[in-house]
Amino acid sequence: MRMARPHRALAPPAVAEPRSGCSDPAPSDWAGDWRSFTLLWGFHVALMLVAAFLEPVPRAVIWMAMLMWMGGACLANARRCCRTHCHFTGPFLIVMAAAVAAYAGGLLDLGDQGWALLGDVALVGALCLWWASERVWGTFTGSRTRG
């Protein structure tokens, strides 16, 4: 004889819980705190602006290092607190570092205004990714509140 299963009320679909470490994202968000933001990204952007006036080789070295640093900081912040835009800007900035290396090494032909183009694409691309991703998916991926 088979036992009947107890009747369960239909429940709403389960909402995915945030990844571990993402349940309370704001306190650990480096991009949300002006001090950590300045140290991790603002300072490095300022160095890139200063390096824009240097010769191509030191400019390339500084830009690659700063873009790698900022991309790595974004990826670490994405893992740390699930900040949505960091999932996109991290890889983008690392790809931009590779583009700088390719241009400086003569593998990427961007014409006479290559440095300006690279700088513009890095800046505008990162800002657009930041703005658009957080408008679509909210400030923190996996959180239940939209920012």
C-alpha atoms as a PDB file:
ATOM      1  CA  MET A   1       0.000   0.000   0.000  1.00  0.00           C
ATOM      2  CA  ARG A   2       1.335   3.409  -0.978  1.00  0.00           C
ATOM      3  CA  MET A   3       1.309   6.382   1.354  1.00  0.00           C
ATOM      4  CA  ALA A   4      -0.240   9.534  -0.052  1.00  0.00           C
ATOM      5  CA  ARG A   5       1.964  12.572  -0.155  1.00  0.00           C
ATOM      6  CA  PRO A   6       0.804  15.506   1.908  1.00  0.00           C
ATOM      7  CA  HIS A   7      -0.683  18.311  -0.165  1.00  0.00           C
ATOM      8  CA  ARG A   8       1.599  21.340  -0.493  1.00  0.00           C
ATOM      9  CA  ALA A   9       0.371  24.788  -1.353  1.00  0.00           C
ATOM     10  CA  LEU A  10       1.833  26.228  -4.499  1.00  0.00           C
ATOM     11  CA  ALA A  11       4.698  28.515  -3.586  1.00  0.00           C
ATOM     12  CA  PRO A  12       6.052  31.351  -5.694  1.00  0.00           C
ATOM     13  CA  PRO A  13       9.175  30.504  -7.654  1.00  0.00           C
ATOM     14  CA  ALA A  14      12.273  30.520  -5.531  1.00  0.00           C
ATOM     15  CA  VAL A  15      14.413  33.621  -5.742  1.00  0.00           C
ATOM     16  CA  ALA A  16      18.082  32.783  -6.071  1.00  0.00           C
ATOM     17  CA  GLU A  17      19.921  33.627  -2.918  1.00  0.00           C
ATOM     18  CA  PRO A  18      22.933  35.888  -3.286  1.00  0.00           C
ATOM     19  CA  ARG A  19      26.294  34.147  -3.481  1.00  0.00           C
ATOM     20  CA  SER A  20      28.105  33.846  -0.195  1.00  0.00           C
ATOM     21  CA  GLY A  21      29.560  37.184   0.722  1.00  0.00           C
ATOM     22  CA  CYS A  22      26.827  38.996  -1.203  1.00  0.00           C
ATOM     23  CA  SER A  23      24.032  38.995   1.333  1.00  0.00           C
ATOM     24  CA  ASP A  24      24.969  42.443   2.633  1.00  0.00           C
ATOM     25  CA  PRO A  25      26.924  43.982  -0.233  1.00  0.00           C
ATOM     26  CA  ALA A  26      27.079  47.681   0.577  1.00  0.00           C
ATOM     27  CA  PRO A  27      29.568  47.644   3.507  1.00  0.00           C
ATOM     28  CA  SER A  28      32.184  45.766   1.481  1.00  0.00           C
ATOM     29  CA  ASP A  29      31.684  47.654  -1.801  1.00  0.00           C
ATOM     30  CA  TRP A  30      34.920  49.392  -2.726  1.00  0.00           C
ATOM     31  CA  ALA A  31      33.222  51.317  -5.548  1.00  0.00           C
ATOM     32  CA  GLY A  32      30.601  52.670  -3.138  1.00  0.00           C
ATOM     33  CA  ASP A  33      33.077  54.242  -0.720  1.00  0.00           C
ATOM     34  CA  TRP A  34      34.797  57.417  -1.941  1.00  0.00           C
ATOM     35  CA  ARG A  35      38.071  56.663  -0.132  1.00  0.00           C
ATOM     36  CA  SER A  36      38.528  53.179  -1.546  1.00  0.00           C
ATOM     37  CA  PHE A  37      37.209  54.332  -4.925  1.00  0.00           C
ATOM     38  CA  THR A  38      39.827  57.088  -5.031  1.00  0.00           C
ATOM     39  CA  LEU A  39      42.651  54.739  -4.014  1.00  0.00           C
ATOM     40  CA  LEU A  40      41.668  51.880  -6.317  1.00  0.00           C
ATOM     41  CA  TRP A  41      40.491  53.754  -9.410  1.00  0.00           C
ATOM     42  CA  GLY A  42      40.709  57.548  -9.137  1.00  0.00           C
ATOM     43  CA  PHE A  43      44.450  57.643  -8.437  1.00  0.00           C
ATOM     44  CA  HIS A  44      45.116  55.294 -11.349  1.00  0.00           C
ATOM     45  CA  VAL A  45      42.994  57.329 -13.764  1.00  0.00           C
ATOM     46  CA  ALA A  46      44.958  60.427 -12.693  1.00  0.00           C
ATOM     47  CA  LEU A  47      48.238  58.608 -13.418  1.00  0.00           C
ATOM     48  CA  MET A  48      46.947  57.680 -16.863  1.00  0.00           C
ATOM     49  CA  LEU A  49      46.094  61.329 -17.539  1.00  0.00           C
ATOM     50  CA  VAL A  50      49.593  62.425 -16.516  1.00  0.00           C
ATOM     51  CA  ALA A  51      51.141  59.632 -18.605  1.00  0.00           C
ATOM     52  CA  ALA A  52      49.230  60.889 -21.666  1.00  0.00           C
ATOM     53  CA  PHE A  53      51.881  63.628 -21.887  1.00  0.00           C
ATOM     54  CA  LEU A  54      54.821  61.200 -21.801  1.00  0.00           C
ATOM     55  CA  GLU A  55      56.604  59.494 -24.667  1.00  0.00           C
ATOM     56  CA  PRO A  56      54.837  56.418 -26.112  1.00  0.00           C
ATOM     57  CA  VAL A  57      56.854  53.713 -24.323  1.00  0.00           C
ATOM     58  CA  PRO A  58      56.452  55.013 -20.740  1.00  0.00           C
ATOM     59  CA  ARG A  59      52.839  55.955 -21.574  1.00  0.00           C
ATOM     60  CA  ALA A  60      52.162  52.398 -22.741  1.00  0.00           C
ATOM     61  CA  VAL A  61      53.762  50.844 -19.661  1.00  0.00           C
ATOM     62  CA  ILE A  62      51.838  53.104 -17.273  1.00  0.00           C
ATOM     63  CA  TRP A  63      48.538  52.694 -19.107  1.00  0.00           C
ATOM     64  CA  MET A  64      48.864  48.909 -19.229  1.00  0.00           C
ATOM     65  CA  ALA A  65      49.717  48.728 -15.531  1.00  0.00           C
ATOM     66  CA  MET A  66      46.899  51.086 -14.522  1.00  0.00           C
ATOM     67  CA  LEU A  67      44.292  49.365 -16.695  1.00  0.00           C
ATOM     68  CA  MET A  68      45.333  45.952 -15.374  1.00  0.00           C
ATOM     69  CA  TRP A  69      45.221  47.250 -11.803  1.00  0.00           C
ATOM     70  CA  MET A  70      41.774  48.818 -12.225  1.00  0.00           C
ATOM     71  CA  GLY A  71      40.431  45.754 -14.058  1.00  0.00           C
ATOM     72  CA  GLY A  72      41.758  43.493 -11.310  1.00  0.00           C
ATOM     73  CA  ALA A  73      40.249  45.741  -8.635  1.00  0.00           C
ATOM     74  CA  CYS A  74      36.894  45.563 -10.437  1.00  0.00           C
ATOM     75  CA  LEU A  75      37.031  41.770 -10.603  1.00  0.00           C
ATOM     76  CA  ALA A  76      37.987  41.575  -6.921  1.00  0.00           C
ATOM     77  CA  ASN A  77      35.144  43.924  -6.027  1.00  0.00           C
ATOM     78  CA  ALA A  78      32.699  41.898  -8.127  1.00  0.00           C
ATOM     79  CA  ARG A  79      33.698  38.777  -6.217  1.00  0.00           C
ATOM     80  CA  ARG A  80      33.736  40.595  -2.891  1.00  0.00           C
ATOM     81  CA  CYS A  81      30.335  42.274  -2.991  1.00  0.00           C
ATOM     82  CA  CYS A  82      28.705  41.390  -6.336  1.00  0.00           C
ATOM     83  CA  ARG A  83      28.741  44.992  -7.609  1.00  0.00           C
ATOM     84  CA  THR A  84      27.076  44.560 -10.990  1.00  0.00           C
ATOM     85  CA  HIS A  85      29.170  46.883 -13.136  1.00  0.00           C
ATOM     86  CA  CYS A  86      32.413  45.369 -11.848  1.00  0.00           C
ATOM     87  CA  HIS A  87      31.538  42.098 -13.608  1.00  0.00           C
ATOM     88  CA  PHE A  88      31.676  44.026 -16.883  1.00  0.00           C
ATOM     89  CA  THR A  89      34.225  46.781 -16.325  1.00  0.00           C
ATOM     90  CA  GLY A  90      36.860  44.389 -14.929  1.00  0.00           C
ATOM     91  CA  PRO A  91      37.236  42.291 -18.081  1.00  0.00           C
ATOM     92  CA  PHE A  92      36.761  45.370 -20.273  1.00  0.00           C
ATOM     93  CA  LEU A  93      39.664  47.221 -18.633  1.00  0.00           C
ATOM     94  CA  ILE A  94      41.911  44.168 -18.960  1.00  0.00           C
ATOM     95  CA  VAL A  95      41.032  43.935 -22.663  1.00  0.00           C
ATOM     96  CA  MET A  96      41.854  47.641 -22.972  1.00  0.00           C
ATOM     97  CA  ALA A  97      45.283  46.946 -21.425  1.00  0.00           C
ATOM     98  CA  ALA A  98      45.823  44.316 -24.124  1.00  0.00           C
ATOM     99  CA  ALA A  99      44.735  46.834 -26.786  1.00  0.00           C
ATOM    100  CA  VAL A 100      47.284  49.335 -25.423  1.00  0.00           C
ATOM    101  CA  ALA A 101      49.990  46.658 -25.595  1.00  0.00           C
ATOM    102  CA  ALA A 102      49.003  45.753 -29.150  1.00  0.00           C
ATOM    103  CA  TYR A 103      49.007  49.388 -30.253  1.00  0.00           C
ATOM    104  CA  ALA A 104      52.317  50.166 -28.552  1.00  0.00           C
ATOM    105  CA  GLY A 105      53.845  47.029 -30.079  1.00  0.00           C
ATOM    106  CA  GLY A 106      52.708  47.946 -33.575  1.00  0.00           C
ATOM    107  CA  LEU A 107      50.232  45.061 -33.845  1.00  0.00           C
ATOM    108  CA  LEU A 108      47.161  47.293 -33.828  1.00  0.00           C
ATOM    109  CA  ASP A 109      46.950  50.137 -36.325  1.00  0.00           C
ATOM    110  CA  LEU A 110      44.791  52.943 -34.960  1.00  0.00           C
ATOM    111  CA  GLY A 111      46.261  55.777 -37.000  1.00  0.00           C
ATOM    112  CA  ASP A 112      47.738  59.032 -35.797  1.00  0.00           C
ATOM    113  CA  GLN A 113      45.204  59.484 -33.019  1.00  0.00           C
ATOM    114  CA  GLY A 114      45.572  55.986 -31.560  1.00  0.00           C
ATOM    115  CA  TRP A 115      46.382  57.095 -28.039  1.00  0.00           C
ATOM    116  CA  ALA A 116      43.420  59.455 -27.921  1.00  0.00           C
ATOM    117  CA  LEU A 117      41.175  56.732 -29.312  1.00  0.00           C
ATOM    118  CA  LEU A 118      42.359  54.200 -26.726  1.00  0.00           C
ATOM    119  CA  GLY A 119      41.888  56.688 -23.897  1.00  0.00           C
ATOM    120  CA  ASP A 120      38.419  57.671 -25.117  1.00  0.00           C
ATOM    121  CA  VAL A 121      37.279  54.074 -25.594  1.00  0.00           C
ATOM    122  CA  ALA A 122      38.567  53.105 -22.123  1.00  0.00           C
ATOM    123  CA  LEU A 123      36.871  56.043 -20.412  1.00  0.00           C
ATOM    124  CA  VAL A 124      33.582  56.090 -22.312  1.00  0.00           C
ATOM    125  CA  GLY A 125      33.362  52.289 -22.424  1.00  0.00           C
ATOM    126  CA  ALA A 126      33.872  51.906 -18.674  1.00  0.00           C
ATOM    127  CA  LEU A 127      31.356  54.665 -17.900  1.00  0.00           C
ATOM    128  CA  CYS A 128      28.759  53.196 -20.270  1.00  0.00           C
ATOM    129  CA  LEU A 129      29.232  49.695 -18.866  1.00  0.00           C
ATOM    130  CA  TRP A 130      28.914  51.068 -15.344  1.00  0.00           C
ATOM    131  CA  TRP A 131      25.761  53.044 -16.070  1.00  0.00           C
ATOM    132  CA  ALA A 132      23.983  50.561 -18.343  1.00  0.00           C
ATOM    133  CA  SER A 133      24.653  47.379 -16.360  1.00  0.00           C
ATOM    134  CA  GLU A 134      23.369  48.875 -13.118  1.00  0.00           C
ATOM    135  CA  ARG A 135      20.272  50.275 -14.845  1.00  0.00           C
ATOM    136  CA  VAL A 136      19.438  46.847 -16.253  1.00  0.00           C
ATOM    137  CA  TRP A 137      20.405  44.516 -13.369  1.00  0.00           C
ATOM    138  CA  GLY A 138      20.607  46.813 -10.342  1.00  0.00           C
ATOM    139  CA  THR A 139      23.597  47.902  -8.298  1.00  0.00           C
ATOM    140  CA  PHE A 140      24.329  44.483  -6.822  1.00  0.00           C
ATOM    141  CA  THR A 141      23.939  41.280  -8.826  1.00  0.00           C
ATOM    142  CA  GLY A 142      22.158  38.677  -6.744  1.00  0.00           C
ATOM    143  CA  SER A 143      20.713  41.146  -4.294  1.00  0.00           C
ATOM    144  CA  ARG A 144      16.977  41.534  -4.012  1.00  0.00           C
ATOM    145  CA  THR A 145      17.032  45.306  -4.069  1.00  0.00           C
ATOM    146  CA  ARG A 146      17.783  47.435  -7.046  1.00  0.00           C
ATOM    147  CA  GLY A 147      20.185  50.318  -6.552  1.00  0.00           C
END
